């Protein structure tokens, strides 16, 4: 995920920060970062699901093992992104919805 926030277009009201090395990075608001992390998590969940289905239906054991491992890695990243996503105290979490 390194480098993901720099690929996002700055939204209206986003602040641009210029670090000492001269690169321009976009600073996202709380809502923008929640949206961005949610979108990244969605991609990881889709890859997890797709690779898991492919692993189950694959005839070659080596390819099935590779797809299953890749599926688990995408699932792990989706979980990490869920934990990074900003939430407000008192609002339901993803599992409660």
N, C-alpha and C. Protein backbone atom coordinates (compact mmCIF):
# COMPACT_ATOMS: atom_id res chain seq x y z
N UNK A 1 0.81 -1.19 0.00
CA UNK A 1 0.00 0.00 0.00
C UNK A 1 0.86 1.26 0.00
N UNK A 2 2.15 1.10 0.06
CA UNK A 2 3.00 2.28 0.07
C UNK A 2 2.76 3.10 -1.19
N UNK A 3 2.51 4.36 -1.02
CA UNK A 3 2.32 5.23 -2.16
C UNK A 3 0.88 5.41 -2.59
N UNK A 4 -0.06 4.67 -2.00
CA UNK A 4 -1.45 4.79 -2.42
C UNK A 4 -2.02 6.19 -2.26
N UNK A 5 -1.86 6.87 -1.11
CA UNK A 5 -2.48 8.18 -0.98
C UNK A 5 -2.00 9.20 -2.01
N UNK A 6 -0.78 9.08 -2.50
CA UNK A 6 -0.28 10.04 -3.48
C UNK A 6 -0.95 9.87 -4.84
N UNK A 7 -1.58 8.72 -5.08
CA UNK A 7 -2.21 8.50 -6.37
C UNK A 7 -3.63 9.03 -6.41
N UNK A 8 -4.14 9.43 -5.26
CA UNK A 8 -5.52 9.93 -5.19
C UNK A 8 -5.56 11.39 -5.60
N UNK A 9 -6.57 11.75 -6.38
CA UNK A 9 -6.74 13.15 -6.74
C UNK A 9 -7.12 13.95 -5.52
N UNK A 10 -6.60 15.14 -5.38
CA UNK A 10 -7.00 15.94 -4.23
C UNK A 10 -8.47 16.33 -4.35
N UNK A 11 -9.20 16.16 -3.28
CA UNK A 11 -10.61 16.53 -3.27
C UNK A 11 -10.74 18.02 -2.94
N UNK A 12 -11.92 18.52 -3.12
CA UNK A 12 -12.18 19.92 -2.79
C UNK A 12 -11.89 20.11 -1.31
N UNK A 13 -11.10 21.08 -0.99
CA UNK A 13 -10.77 21.37 0.39
C UNK A 13 -9.55 20.62 0.91
N UNK A 14 -8.96 19.73 0.11
CA UNK A 14 -7.77 19.00 0.55
C UNK A 14 -6.60 19.97 0.65
N UNK A 15 -5.73 19.70 1.58
CA UNK A 15 -4.57 20.55 1.82
C UNK A 15 -3.35 19.90 1.20
N UNK A 16 -2.57 20.69 0.48
CA UNK A 16 -1.32 20.17 -0.06
C UNK A 16 -0.18 20.55 0.87
N UNK A 17 0.61 19.58 1.21
CA UNK A 17 1.76 19.83 2.07
C UNK A 17 3.02 19.61 1.25
N UNK A 18 4.01 20.46 1.43
CA UNK A 18 5.28 20.32 0.72
C UNK A 18 6.37 20.00 1.74
N UNK A 19 6.75 18.70 1.82
CA UNK A 19 7.82 18.31 2.73
C UNK A 19 9.16 18.90 2.28
N UNK A 20 10.17 18.85 3.16
CA UNK A 20 11.47 19.42 2.83
C UNK A 20 12.12 18.83 1.57
N UNK A 21 11.76 17.59 1.19
CA UNK A 21 12.40 17.00 0.01
C UNK A 21 11.80 17.52 -1.30
N UNK A 22 10.78 18.38 -1.23
CA UNK A 22 10.24 19.01 -2.42
C UNK A 22 9.08 18.28 -3.08
N UNK A 23 8.75 17.08 -2.61
CA UNK A 23 7.63 16.35 -3.20
C UNK A 23 6.32 16.93 -2.68
N UNK A 24 5.29 16.82 -3.47
CA UNK A 24 3.97 17.30 -3.06
C UNK A 24 3.12 16.10 -2.68
N UNK A 25 2.57 16.14 -1.49
CA UNK A 25 1.70 15.06 -1.02
C UNK A 25 0.35 15.65 -0.67
N UNK A 26 -0.68 14.88 -0.85
CA UNK A 26 -2.03 15.33 -0.55
C UNK A 26 -2.39 14.88 0.86
N UNK A 27 -2.87 15.81 1.65
CA UNK A 27 -3.33 15.50 2.99
C UNK A 27 -4.84 15.40 2.92
N UNK A 28 -5.37 14.22 3.20
CA UNK A 28 -6.80 13.98 3.11
C UNK A 28 -7.51 14.31 4.42
N UNK A 29 -8.74 14.74 4.30
CA UNK A 29 -9.55 14.98 5.49
C UNK A 29 -9.94 13.62 6.08
N UNK A 30 -10.57 13.64 7.23
CA UNK A 30 -10.98 12.40 7.89
C UNK A 30 -11.96 11.63 7.02
N UNK A 31 -12.95 12.32 6.46
CA UNK A 31 -13.92 11.63 5.60
C UNK A 31 -13.29 11.11 4.33
N UNK A 32 -12.37 11.87 3.74
CA UNK A 32 -11.68 11.43 2.52
C UNK A 32 -10.80 10.22 2.79
N UNK A 33 -10.11 10.22 3.93
CA UNK A 33 -9.25 9.07 4.23
C UNK A 33 -10.10 7.83 4.53
N UNK A 34 -11.26 8.01 5.19
CA UNK A 34 -12.15 6.88 5.44
C UNK A 34 -12.66 6.31 4.12
N UNK A 35 -13.02 7.19 3.19
CA UNK A 35 -13.49 6.76 1.87
C UNK A 35 -12.39 6.03 1.11
N UNK A 36 -11.18 6.59 1.13
CA UNK A 36 -10.06 5.99 0.42
C UNK A 36 -9.73 4.60 0.97
N UNK A 37 -9.65 4.48 2.30
CA UNK A 37 -9.34 3.19 2.90
C UNK A 37 -10.46 2.18 2.64
N UNK A 38 -11.70 2.65 2.62
CA UNK A 38 -12.82 1.76 2.31
C UNK A 38 -12.73 1.24 0.90
N UNK A 39 -12.34 2.09 -0.03
CA UNK A 39 -12.20 1.66 -1.43
C UNK A 39 -11.05 0.67 -1.58
N UNK A 40 -9.94 0.93 -0.91
CA UNK A 40 -8.81 -0.02 -0.96
C UNK A 40 -9.22 -1.36 -0.37
N UNK A 41 -9.97 -1.33 0.73
CA UNK A 41 -10.44 -2.56 1.36
C UNK A 41 -11.37 -3.33 0.43
N UNK A 42 -12.22 -2.62 -0.28
CA UNK A 42 -13.13 -3.26 -1.23
C UNK A 42 -12.33 -4.03 -2.30
N UNK A 43 -11.29 -3.42 -2.82
CA UNK A 43 -10.46 -4.08 -3.83
C UNK A 43 -9.82 -5.34 -3.25
N UNK A 44 -9.30 -5.24 -2.04
CA UNK A 44 -8.67 -6.41 -1.40
C UNK A 44 -9.70 -7.52 -1.17
N UNK A 45 -10.91 -7.16 -0.75
CA UNK A 45 -11.94 -8.18 -0.53
C UNK A 45 -12.36 -8.86 -1.83
N UNK A 46 -12.42 -8.09 -2.90
CA UNK A 46 -12.77 -8.68 -4.20
C UNK A 46 -11.68 -9.64 -4.66
N UNK A 47 -10.41 -9.26 -4.49
CA UNK A 47 -9.31 -10.16 -4.87
C UNK A 47 -9.31 -11.41 -3.99
N UNK A 48 -9.59 -11.24 -2.69
CA UNK A 48 -9.68 -12.37 -1.76
C UNK A 48 -10.75 -13.36 -2.24
N UNK A 49 -11.92 -12.84 -2.58
CA UNK A 49 -13.03 -13.68 -3.02
C UNK A 49 -12.72 -14.37 -4.34
N UNK A 50 -12.24 -13.63 -5.31
CA UNK A 50 -11.97 -14.18 -6.63
C UNK A 50 -10.89 -15.27 -6.57
N UNK A 51 -9.79 -14.98 -5.90
CA UNK A 51 -8.70 -15.96 -5.82
C UNK A 51 -9.12 -17.19 -5.01
N UNK A 52 -9.94 -16.98 -3.98
CA UNK A 52 -10.43 -18.12 -3.20
C UNK A 52 -11.29 -19.05 -4.04
N UNK A 53 -12.16 -18.48 -4.87
CA UNK A 53 -12.99 -19.31 -5.76
C UNK A 53 -12.13 -20.02 -6.80
N UNK A 54 -11.15 -19.31 -7.33
CA UNK A 54 -10.28 -19.93 -8.34
C UNK A 54 -9.45 -21.05 -7.73
N UNK A 55 -8.98 -20.86 -6.49
CA UNK A 55 -8.18 -21.90 -5.84
C UNK A 55 -9.00 -23.16 -5.62
N UNK A 56 -10.26 -23.00 -5.26
CA UNK A 56 -11.12 -24.16 -5.00
C UNK A 56 -11.41 -24.95 -6.28
N UNK A 57 -11.46 -24.27 -7.42
CA UNK A 57 -11.80 -24.94 -8.66
C UNK A 57 -10.62 -25.28 -9.54
N UNK A 58 -9.41 -25.08 -9.05
CA UNK A 58 -8.21 -25.30 -9.86
C UNK A 58 -7.81 -26.78 -9.81
N UNK A 59 -7.45 -27.33 -10.96
CA UNK A 59 -7.05 -28.73 -11.03
C UNK A 59 -5.61 -28.98 -10.63
N UNK A 60 -4.73 -28.03 -10.87
CA UNK A 60 -3.31 -28.19 -10.57
C UNK A 60 -3.07 -27.82 -9.10
N UNK A 61 -2.58 -28.75 -8.27
CA UNK A 61 -2.37 -28.47 -6.85
C UNK A 61 -1.40 -27.31 -6.58
N UNK A 62 -0.37 -27.17 -7.41
CA UNK A 62 0.59 -26.08 -7.20
C UNK A 62 -0.07 -24.72 -7.44
N UNK A 63 -0.85 -24.63 -8.50
CA UNK A 63 -1.55 -23.38 -8.80
C UNK A 63 -2.62 -23.09 -7.76
N UNK A 64 -3.32 -24.14 -7.32
CA UNK A 64 -4.35 -23.98 -6.29
C UNK A 64 -3.73 -23.47 -4.99
N UNK A 65 -2.58 -24.02 -4.63
CA UNK A 65 -1.89 -23.57 -3.42
C UNK A 65 -1.44 -22.12 -3.52
N UNK A 66 -0.95 -21.74 -4.69
CA UNK A 66 -0.52 -20.35 -4.91
C UNK A 66 -1.71 -19.40 -4.82
N UNK A 67 -2.82 -19.77 -5.47
CA UNK A 67 -4.01 -18.92 -5.45
C UNK A 67 -4.59 -18.81 -4.05
N UNK A 68 -4.58 -19.92 -3.31
CA UNK A 68 -5.08 -19.89 -1.93
C UNK A 68 -4.22 -18.99 -1.05
N UNK A 69 -2.91 -19.07 -1.22
CA UNK A 69 -2.01 -18.20 -0.45
C UNK A 69 -2.19 -16.74 -0.80
N UNK A 70 -2.35 -16.46 -2.09
CA UNK A 70 -2.59 -15.07 -2.51
C UNK A 70 -3.92 -14.57 -1.98
N UNK A 71 -4.94 -15.44 -1.97
CA UNK A 71 -6.24 -15.08 -1.43
C UNK A 71 -6.13 -14.72 0.05
N UNK A 72 -5.42 -15.55 0.80
CA UNK A 72 -5.23 -15.26 2.23
C UNK A 72 -4.50 -13.94 2.45
N UNK A 73 -3.52 -13.63 1.61
CA UNK A 73 -2.79 -12.37 1.74
C UNK A 73 -3.72 -11.18 1.50
N UNK A 74 -4.60 -11.29 0.52
CA UNK A 74 -5.56 -10.21 0.25
C UNK A 74 -6.55 -10.07 1.41
N UNK A 75 -6.97 -11.18 1.98
CA UNK A 75 -7.85 -11.13 3.14
C UNK A 75 -7.18 -10.48 4.33
N UNK A 76 -5.90 -10.78 4.55
CA UNK A 76 -5.15 -10.17 5.64
C UNK A 76 -5.06 -8.66 5.44
N UNK A 77 -4.75 -8.23 4.21
CA UNK A 77 -4.66 -6.79 3.94
C UNK A 77 -6.01 -6.10 4.12
N UNK A 78 -7.08 -6.77 3.73
CA UNK A 78 -8.42 -6.19 3.92
C UNK A 78 -8.69 -5.98 5.41
N UNK A 79 -8.28 -6.93 6.23
CA UNK A 79 -8.45 -6.79 7.69
C UNK A 79 -7.61 -5.63 8.23
N UNK A 80 -6.38 -5.50 7.76
CA UNK A 80 -5.53 -4.40 8.20
C UNK A 80 -6.14 -3.05 7.82
N UNK A 81 -6.68 -2.96 6.62
CA UNK A 81 -7.30 -1.71 6.17
C UNK A 81 -8.55 -1.40 6.99
N UNK A 82 -9.30 -2.43 7.37
CA UNK A 82 -10.48 -2.21 8.20
C UNK A 82 -10.08 -1.59 9.55
N UNK A 83 -8.98 -2.07 10.10
CA UNK A 83 -8.52 -1.55 11.39
C UNK A 83 -7.95 -0.13 11.28
N UNK A 84 -7.44 0.24 10.11
CA UNK A 84 -6.90 1.59 9.91
C UNK A 84 -7.99 2.63 9.65
N UNK A 85 -9.13 2.18 9.19
CA UNK A 85 -10.20 3.10 8.81
C UNK A 85 -10.69 3.87 10.03
N UNK A 86 -10.74 5.19 9.92
CA UNK A 86 -11.19 5.97 11.08
C UNK A 86 -12.67 5.73 11.36
N UNK A 87 -12.99 5.62 12.63
CA UNK A 87 -14.37 5.42 13.06
C UNK A 87 -14.68 6.40 14.19
N UNK A 88 -15.93 6.63 14.41
CA UNK A 88 -16.36 7.49 15.51
C UNK A 88 -16.86 6.62 16.64
N UNK A 89 -16.58 7.04 17.86
CA UNK A 89 -17.04 6.31 19.03
C UNK A 89 -18.56 6.33 19.07
N UNK A 90 -19.14 5.19 19.31
CA UNK A 90 -20.58 5.10 19.43
C UNK A 90 -21.28 4.68 18.14
N UNK A 91 -20.62 4.78 17.00
CA UNK A 91 -21.21 4.35 15.74
C UNK A 91 -20.93 2.87 15.53
N UNK A 92 -21.81 2.16 14.82
CA UNK A 92 -21.59 0.72 14.60
C UNK A 92 -20.37 0.45 13.73
N UNK A 93 -19.65 -0.61 14.06
CA UNK A 93 -18.51 -1.04 13.24
C UNK A 93 -19.04 -1.86 12.07
N UNK A 94 -18.15 -2.23 11.16
CA UNK A 94 -18.54 -2.96 9.94
C UNK A 94 -19.25 -4.27 10.26
N UNK A 95 -18.78 -4.98 11.29
CA UNK A 95 -19.37 -6.27 11.64
C UNK A 95 -20.78 -6.12 12.22
N UNK A 96 -21.09 -4.96 12.78
CA UNK A 96 -22.39 -4.74 13.41
C UNK A 96 -23.46 -4.28 12.42
N UNK A 97 -23.06 -3.92 11.20
CA UNK A 97 -24.04 -3.42 10.23
C UNK A 97 -24.79 -4.51 9.54
